[in-house]
C-alpha atoms as a PDB file:
ATOM      1  CA  MET A   1      40.747  57.479  12.159  1.00  0.00           C
ATOM      2  CA  THR A   2      38.972  54.176  11.621  1.00  0.00           C
ATOM      3  CA  THR A   3      36.286  53.159  14.014  1.00  0.00           C
ATOM      4  CA  THR A   4      34.599  49.776  14.754  1.00  0.00           C
ATOM      5  CA  GLN A   5      31.673  48.432  15.954  1.00  0.00           C
ATOM      6  CA  PRO A   6      31.460  46.799  19.108  1.00  0.00           C
ATOM      7  CA  ILE A   7      31.035  42.953  18.898  1.00  0.00           C
ATOM      8  CA  LEU A   8      28.264  41.457  20.761  1.00  0.00           C
ATOM      9  CA  GLN A   9      28.906  39.086  23.406  1.00  0.00           C
ATOM     10  CA  PRO A  10      27.286  35.533  23.571  1.00  0.00           C
ATOM     11  CA  GLN A  11      24.665  36.447  26.564  1.00  0.00           C
ATOM     12  CA  THR A  12      23.792  39.645  24.523  1.00  0.00           C
ATOM     13  CA  GLN A  13      23.309  37.978  21.727  1.00  0.00           C
ATOM     14  CA  GLU A  14      21.050  35.636  22.939  1.00  0.00           C
ATOM     15  CA  LYS A  15      19.029  38.565  24.779  1.00  0.00           C
ATOM     16  CA  PHE A  16      18.642  40.400  21.200  1.00  0.00           C
ATOM     17  CA  ALA A  17      17.433  37.488  19.603  1.00  0.00           C
ATOM     18  CA  ALA A  18      14.713  37.009  22.479  1.00  0.00           C
ATOM     19  CA  VAL A  19      13.712  40.611  22.523  1.00  0.00           C
ATOM     20  CA  CYS A  20      14.011  40.648  18.470  1.00  0.00           C
ATOM     21  CA  PRO A  21      12.879  37.333  17.388  1.00  0.00           C
ATOM     22  CA  PRO A  22      13.136  36.566  13.716  1.00  0.00           C
ATOM     23  CA  ARG A  23       9.878  37.629  11.141  1.00  0.00           C
ATOM     24  CA  ARG A  24       7.971  35.197  10.388  1.00  0.00           C
ATOM     25  CA  ARG A  25       6.264  35.780   6.532  1.00  0.00           C
ATOM     26  CA  SER A  26       2.628  35.389   6.935  1.00  0.00           C
ATOM     27  CA  PHE A  27       0.528  33.910   3.735  1.00  0.00           C
ATOM     28  CA  PRO A  28      -0.736  36.539   1.570  1.00  0.00           C
ATOM     29  CA  THR A  29      -4.594  37.053   2.386  1.00  0.00           C
ATOM     30  CA  TRP A  30      -5.196  37.948  -1.489  1.00  0.00           C
ATOM     31  CA  LYS A  31      -3.907  34.417  -2.427  1.00  0.00           C
ATOM     32  CA  PHE A  32      -6.435  32.638  -0.227  1.00  0.00           C
ATOM     33  CA  PRO A  33      -8.791  32.710  -3.323  1.00  0.00           C
ATOM     34  CA  LEU A  34      -6.396  30.919  -5.407  1.00  0.00           C
ATOM     35  CA  LEU A  35      -6.719  27.771  -2.946  1.00  0.00           C
ATOM     36  CA  ILE A  36     -10.239  27.102  -4.114  1.00  0.00           C
ATOM     37  CA  PRO A  37      -9.827  25.156  -7.069  1.00  0.00           C
ATOM     38  CA  TRP A  38      -7.333  22.869  -5.025  1.00  0.00           C
ATOM     39  CA  TRP A  39      -9.720  22.434  -2.336  1.00  0.00           C
ATOM     40  CA  ILE A  40     -12.602  21.643  -4.509  1.00  0.00           C
ATOM     41  CA  ALA A  41     -10.129  18.929  -6.821  1.00  0.00           C
ATOM     42  CA  VAL A  42      -9.200  17.500  -3.168  1.00  0.00           C
ATOM     43  CA  PHE A  43     -13.039  17.152  -1.876  1.00  0.00           C
ATOM     44  CA  TRP A  44     -13.964  15.628  -5.023  1.00  0.00           C
ATOM     45  CA  LYS A  45     -10.929  13.164  -5.123  1.00  0.00           C
ATOM     46  CA  LYS A  46     -11.954  12.300  -1.569  1.00  0.00           C
ATOM     47  CA  THR A  47     -15.856  12.090  -2.616  1.00  0.00           C
ATOM     48  CA  VAL A  48     -15.003   9.733  -5.433  1.00  0.00           C
ATOM     49  CA  SER A  49     -12.635   7.891  -3.867  1.00  0.00           C
ATOM     50  CA  TRP A  50     -15.069   6.978  -0.860  1.00  0.00           C
ATOM     51  CA  GLY A  51     -17.860   6.176  -3.169  1.00  0.00           C
ATOM     52  CA  TRP A  52     -15.942   3.919  -5.025  1.00  0.00           C
ATOM     53  CA  GLN A  53     -14.878   2.080  -1.903  1.00  0.00           C
ATOM     54  CA  GLN A  54     -18.367   1.643  -0.794  1.00  0.00           C
ATOM     55  CA  ARG A  55     -19.376   0.036  -4.301  1.00  0.00           C
ATOM     56  CA  ILE A  56     -16.545  -2.488  -4.284  1.00  0.00           C
ATOM     57  CA  LYS A  57     -16.825  -3.376  -0.733  1.00  0.00           C
ATOM     58  CA  SER A  58     -20.529  -4.443  -1.335  1.00  0.00           C
ATOM     59  CA  LYS A  59     -19.366  -6.766  -4.287  1.00  0.00           C
ATOM     60  CA  LEU A  60     -16.785  -8.706  -2.767  1.00  0.00           C
ATOM     61  CA  ALA A  61     -17.081 -12.330  -2.186  1.00  0.00           C
ATOM     62  CA  SER A  62     -16.105 -11.241   1.458  1.00  0.00           C
ATOM     63  CA  ILE A  63     -14.306  -8.752   3.436  1.00  0.00           C
ATOM     64  CA  GLY A  64     -13.309  -8.990   7.159  1.00  0.00           C
ATOM     65  CA  ASP A  65     -13.078  -6.013   9.450  1.00  0.00           C
ATOM     66  CA  GLY A  66     -10.835  -3.164   9.524  1.00  0.00           C
ATOM     67  CA  CYS A  67      -9.899  -3.471   5.657  1.00  0.00           C
ATOM     68  CA  ARG A  68      -8.957  -0.456   3.840  1.00  0.00           C
ATOM     69  CA  LEU A  69      -8.556   0.527   0.461  1.00  0.00           C
ATOM     70  CA  ARG A  70      -6.711   3.340  -0.182  1.00  0.00           C
ATOM     71  CA  GLY A  71      -7.837   5.905  -3.091  1.00  0.00           C
ATOM     72  CA  THR A  72      -9.161   4.217  -6.087  1.00  0.00           C
ATOM     73  CA  SER A  73      -7.868   0.912  -8.147  1.00  0.00           C
ATOM     74  CA  LEU A  74      -8.924  -1.191 -10.892  1.00  0.00           C
ATOM     75  CA  ILE A  75     -10.653  -4.565  -9.167  1.00  0.00           C
ATOM     76  CA  THR A  76     -12.350  -6.757 -11.636  1.00  0.00           C
ATOM     77  CA  ALA A  77     -14.741  -9.945 -10.512  1.00  0.00           C
ATOM     78  CA  PRO A  78     -15.010  -8.340  -7.159  1.00  0.00           C
ATOM     79  CA  ASP A  79     -17.405 -11.447  -6.390  1.00  0.00           C
ATOM     80  CA  ARG A  80     -14.115 -13.755  -6.861  1.00  0.00           C
ATOM     81  CA  LEU A  81     -11.896 -11.490  -4.428  1.00  0.00           C
ATOM     82  CA  TRP A  82     -12.139 -12.918  -0.416  1.00  0.00           C
ATOM     83  CA  LEU A  83     -10.639 -10.338   2.308  1.00  0.00           C
ATOM     84  CA  GLY A  84      -9.508 -11.097   5.392  1.00  0.00           C
ATOM     85  CA  ASP A  85      -9.226  -8.852   8.693  1.00  0.00           C
ATOM     86  CA  ASN A  86      -7.227  -5.789   8.686  1.00  0.00           C
ATOM     87  CA  VAL A  87      -6.503  -5.956   4.674  1.00  0.00           C
ATOM     88  CA  HIS A  88      -4.715  -2.624   3.231  1.00  0.00           C
ATOM     89  CA  ILE A  89      -4.529  -1.968  -0.835  1.00  0.00           C
ATOM     90  CA  GLY A  90      -2.905   0.767  -1.565  1.00  0.00           C
ATOM     91  CA  ASP A  91      -3.917   3.389  -4.331  1.00  0.00           C
ATOM     92  CA  ASN A  92      -3.566   2.894  -8.272  1.00  0.00           C
ATOM     93  CA  SER A  93      -3.544  -0.802  -7.443  1.00  0.00           C
ATOM     94  CA  THR A  94      -4.892  -3.374 -10.340  1.00  0.00           C
ATOM     95  CA  LEU A  95      -6.423  -6.694  -8.998  1.00  0.00           C
ATOM     96  CA  ARG A  96      -7.884  -9.151 -12.231  1.00  0.00           C
ATOM     97  CA  ALA A  97      -9.700 -11.243  -9.356  1.00  0.00           C
ATOM     98  CA  GLU A  98     -11.557 -13.777 -12.393  1.00  0.00           C
ATOM     99  CA  GLY A  99      -9.362 -16.581 -11.413  1.00  0.00           C
ATOM    100  CA  GLY A 100     -10.063 -16.288  -7.534  1.00  0.00           C
ATOM    101  CA  LEU A 101      -8.142 -14.118  -5.442  1.00  0.00           C
ATOM    102  CA  GLN A 102      -7.875 -14.522  -1.612  1.00  0.00           C
ATOM    103  CA  ILE A 103      -5.962 -12.011   0.517  1.00  0.00           C
ATOM    104  CA  ASP A 104      -5.873 -13.298   3.943  1.00  0.00           C
ATOM    105  CA  SER A 105      -5.961 -11.453   7.471  1.00  0.00           C
ATOM    106  CA  HIS A 106      -3.288  -8.511   7.928  1.00  0.00           C
ATOM    107  CA  ALA A 107      -1.873  -8.437   4.752  1.00  0.00           C
ATOM    108  CA  HIS A 108      -0.534  -5.251   3.302  1.00  0.00           C
ATOM    109  CA  LEU A 109      -0.594  -3.985  -0.521  1.00  0.00           C
ATOM    110  CA  ALA A 110       1.500  -1.008  -1.238  1.00  0.00           C
ATOM    111  CA  ARG A 111       0.210   1.439  -3.930  1.00  0.00           C
ATOM    112  CA  ASN A 112       0.668   0.333  -7.560  1.00  0.00           C
ATOM    113  CA  VAL A 113       0.248  -3.484  -7.126  1.00  0.00           C
ATOM    114  CA  VAL A 114      -0.794  -5.344  -9.898  1.00  0.00           C
ATOM    115  CA  ILE A 115      -2.109  -8.858  -9.680  1.00  0.00           C
ATOM    116  CA  TYR A 116      -3.419 -11.072 -12.581  1.00  0.00           C
ATOM    117  CA  THR A 117      -5.422 -14.447 -11.890  1.00  0.00           C
ATOM    118  CA  ILE A 118      -5.781 -14.966 -15.436  1.00  0.00           C
ATOM    119  CA  ASN A 119      -3.722 -15.259 -19.144  1.00  0.00           C
ATOM    120  CA  HIS A 120      -4.420 -14.623 -22.429  1.00  0.00           C
ATOM    121  CA  ASN A 121      -4.581 -18.321 -24.301  1.00  0.00           C
ATOM    122  CA  TYR A 122      -1.723 -18.376 -26.628  1.00  0.00           C
ATOM    123  CA  GLU A 123      -2.565 -22.171 -27.228  1.00  0.00           C
ATOM    124  CA  GLY A 124      -6.027 -21.120 -28.448  1.00  0.00           C
ATOM    125  CA  THR A 125      -7.107 -20.906 -32.195  1.00  0.00           C
ATOM    126  CA  ARG A 126      -5.431 -17.537 -33.024  1.00  0.00           C
ATOM    127  CA  ILE A 127      -2.005 -16.156 -32.669  1.00  0.00           C
ATOM    128  CA  PRO A 128      -0.786 -14.506 -30.981  1.00  0.00           C
ATOM    129  CA  TYR A 129      -3.734 -15.827 -28.567  1.00  0.00           C
ATOM    130  CA  ASP A 130      -7.478 -15.687 -28.764  1.00  0.00           C
ATOM    131  CA  GLU A 131     -10.431 -14.753 -26.832  1.00  0.00           C
ATOM    132  CA  THR A 132     -10.207 -17.209 -24.020  1.00  0.00           C
ATOM    133  CA  VAL A 133      -8.170 -17.167 -20.836  1.00  0.00           C
ATOM    134  CA  VAL A 134      -6.072 -19.416 -18.718  1.00  0.00           C
ATOM    135  CA  ALA A 135      -7.440 -18.788 -14.952  1.00  0.00           C
ATOM    136  CA  LYS A 136      -5.275 -19.781 -11.990  1.00  0.00           C
ATOM    137  CA  PRO A 137      -5.643 -18.660  -8.470  1.00  0.00           C
ATOM    138  CA  VAL A 138      -3.724 -16.351  -6.506  1.00  0.00           C
ATOM    139  CA  LYS A 139      -3.254 -16.265  -2.752  1.00  0.00           C
ATOM    140  CA  ILE A 140      -1.804 -13.938  -0.410  1.00  0.00           C
ATOM    141  CA  GLY A 141      -1.291 -15.511   3.108  1.00  0.00           C
ATOM    142  CA  ILE A 142      -1.341 -14.025   6.561  1.00  0.00           C
ATOM    143  CA  ALA A 143       0.580 -10.792   7.627  1.00  0.00           C
ATOM    144  CA  ALA A 144       2.101 -10.772   3.998  1.00  0.00           C
ATOM    145  CA  TRP A 145       3.965  -7.288   2.806  1.00  0.00           C
ATOM    146  CA  ILE A 146       3.795  -6.762  -0.921  1.00  0.00           C
ATOM    147  CA  GLY A 147       6.021  -3.655  -1.924  1.00  0.00           C
ATOM    148  CA  ILE A 148       5.265  -1.003  -4.030  1.00  0.00           C
ATOM    149  CA  ASN A 149       5.157  -1.656  -7.843  1.00  0.00           C
ATOM    150  CA  VAL A 150       4.925  -5.419  -7.585  1.00  0.00           C
ATOM    151  CA  ILE A 151       3.656  -7.564 -10.270  1.00  0.00           C
ATOM    152  CA  ILE A 152       2.207 -11.180  -9.009  1.00  0.00           C
ATOM    153  CA  LEU A 153       1.356 -13.425 -11.977  1.00  0.00           C
ATOM    154  CA  PRO A 154      -1.295 -16.236 -12.368  1.00  0.00           C
ATOM    155  CA  GLY A 155      -0.895 -19.476  -9.932  1.00  0.00           C
ATOM    156  CA  VAL A 156       1.334 -17.724  -7.321  1.00  0.00           C
ATOM    157  CA  GLU A 157       1.019 -18.171  -3.608  1.00  0.00           C
ATOM    158  CA  ILE A 158       2.562 -16.016  -1.239  1.00  0.00           C
ATOM    159  CA  GLY A 159       3.062 -17.546   1.849  1.00  0.00           C
ATOM    160  CA  GLU A 160       2.345 -16.332   5.307  1.00  0.00           C
ATOM    161  CA  GLY A 161       4.622 -13.458   6.883  1.00  0.00           C
ATOM    162  CA  ALA A 162       6.656 -13.326   3.388  1.00  0.00           C
ATOM    163  CA  ILE A 163       7.600  -9.834   2.335  1.00  0.00           C
ATOM    164  CA  ILE A 164       8.083  -9.054  -1.391  1.00  0.00           C
ATOM    165  CA  GLY A 165      10.463  -6.247  -2.377  1.00  0.00           C
ATOM    166  CA  ALA A 166       9.463  -3.232  -4.148  1.00  0.00           C
ATOM    167  CA  GLY A 167       9.643  -3.441  -8.255  1.00  0.00           C
ATOM    168  CA  SER A 168       9.539  -7.553  -7.793  1.00  0.00           C
ATOM    169  CA  VAL A 169       7.763  -9.648 -10.741  1.00  0.00           C
ATOM    170  CA  VAL A 170       6.650 -12.858  -8.761  1.00  0.00           C
ATOM    171  CA  THR A 171       6.488 -15.561 -11.200  1.00  0.00           C
ATOM    172  CA  HIS A 172       6.397 -18.513  -8.763  1.00  0.00           C
ATOM    173  CA  SER A 173       5.213 -19.451  -5.224  1.00  0.00           C
ATOM    174  CA  ILE A 174       6.901 -17.736  -2.016  1.00  0.00           C
ATOM    175  CA  PRO A 175       7.818 -19.973   1.100  1.00  0.00           C
ATOM    176  CA  ALA A 176       6.276 -18.702   4.174  1.00  0.00           C
ATOM    177  CA  LEU A 177       8.326 -16.301   6.367  1.00  0.00           C
ATOM    178  CA  SER A 178      10.551 -15.527   3.229  1.00  0.00           C
ATOM    179  CA  ILE A 179      12.090 -12.027   2.074  1.00  0.00           C
ATOM    180  CA  ALA A 180      11.990 -12.119  -1.671  1.00  0.00           C
ATOM    181  CA  ALA A 181      12.709  -9.385  -4.184  1.00  0.00           C
ATOM    182  CA  GLY A 182      13.941  -9.029  -8.239  1.00  0.00           C
ATOM    183  CA  ASN A 183      12.842  -9.918 -11.602  1.00  0.00           C
ATOM    184  CA  PRO A 184      12.201 -12.669 -11.479  1.00  0.00           C
ATOM    185  CA  CYS A 185      11.473 -12.818  -7.661  1.00  0.00           C
ATOM    186  CA  ARG A 186      13.638 -14.817  -5.556  1.00  0.00           C
ATOM    187  CA  VAL A 187      14.255 -15.554  -2.060  1.00  0.00           C
ATOM    188  CA  VAL A 188      16.911 -13.359  -0.342  1.00  0.00           C
ATOM    189  CA  LYS A 189      16.676 -14.528   2.948  1.00  0.00           C
ATOM    190  CA  GLN A 190      14.418 -15.697   5.907  1.00  0.00           C
ATOM    191  CA  ARG A 191      12.623 -13.757   8.860  1.00  0.00           C
ATOM    192  CA  ASP A 192      13.132 -14.770  12.413  1.00  0.00           C
ATOM    193  CA  SER A 193      10.273 -17.366  12.764  1.00  0.00           C
ATOM    194  CA  GLU A 194      10.651 -17.215  16.327  1.00  0.00           C
ATOM    195  CA  SER A 195      10.130 -13.456  16.815  1.00  0.00           C
ATOM    196  CA  TYR A 196       7.328 -14.002  14.175  1.00  0.00           C
ATOM    197  CA  TYR A 197       5.032 -16.546  15.752  1.00  0.00           C
ATOM    198  CA  GLN A 198       5.700 -14.811  19.009  1.00  0.00           C
ATOM    199  CA  ARG A 199       4.189 -11.537  17.771  1.00  0.00           C
ATOM    200  CA  LYS A 200       1.071 -13.260  16.055  1.00  0.00           C
ATOM    201  CA  SER A 201       0.429 -15.364  19.327  1.00  0.00           C
ATOM    202  CA  ALA A 202       0.445 -11.975  21.094  1.00  0.00           C
ATOM    203  CA  LYS A 203      -1.773 -10.647  18.487  1.00  0.00           C
ATOM    204  CA  ASN A 204       0.637  -7.615  17.451  1.00  0.00           C
ATOM    205  CA  PHE A 205      -0.535  -6.785  14.113  1.00  0.00           C
ATOM    206  CA  GLY A 206       0.067  -3.165  12.569  1.00  0.00           C
ATOM    207  CA  GLY A 207      -2.938  -1.377  11.249  1.00  0.00           C
ATOM    208  CA  VAL A 208      -2.539   1.996   8.925  1.00  0.00           C
ATOM    209  CA  ASN A 209       1.356   2.648   8.753  1.00  0.00           C
ATOM    210  CA  GLY A 210       2.000  -0.050  11.504  1.00  0.00           C
ATOM    211  CA  ILE A 211      -0.122   1.236  14.278  1.00  0.00           C
ATOM    212  CA  GLU A 212      -1.346  -1.208  16.511  1.00  0.00           C
ATOM    213  CA  TYR A 213      -4.362  -2.987  15.308  1.00  0.00           C
ATOM    214  CA  ARG A 214      -7.187  -3.864  17.899  1.00  0.00           C
ATOM    215  CA  ASP A 215      -8.612  -7.392  16.933  1.00  0.00           C
ATOM    216  CA  ARG A 216     -11.848  -7.062  17.327  1.00  0.00           C
ATOM    217  CA  THR A 217     -12.359 -11.287  17.904  1.00  0.00           C
END
């Protein structure tokens, strides 16, 4: 004779789940000492990063309010770098500012961005180049957004409100309110100018992760 187990009705199943909630695996206490090296590494990285940021900020030609330098980056000739208000520079960026680099207010640069304001002189006395350099300033306009892994070459001007797509190589200037991408970087569309200037006049600027930035002026 075959017997079958009674099937719980839906209401009974809900009551059973409420009385007997699923067990949650707790973190074994014996593993906590293994986390100590990790915590030390995190603390050391943040300490080094904070110290580097303070040193660089003290050497800049000018720096506005609310600027953020994430992590650590390579910045040469910081006395030739001008930052406006609420400028964000992502971790692991390379800024060669010898030729002059101006980043206007509310411009945000993602991580791994490379900006060069100088280049080797291939028309010098030696080949492929000599020890002299050719300097051309770079300017990034108000509220421009530079994506991750972007490379900007000497002499380029990124217009106000422009957006440069990830991985782009910018070899020539990009007009204001343009959305550009590619290698070489080309304009693919335009931003809505009416909407942009409405937000600008209302001072609706994004800060960390796009959260509202409160202008102190």
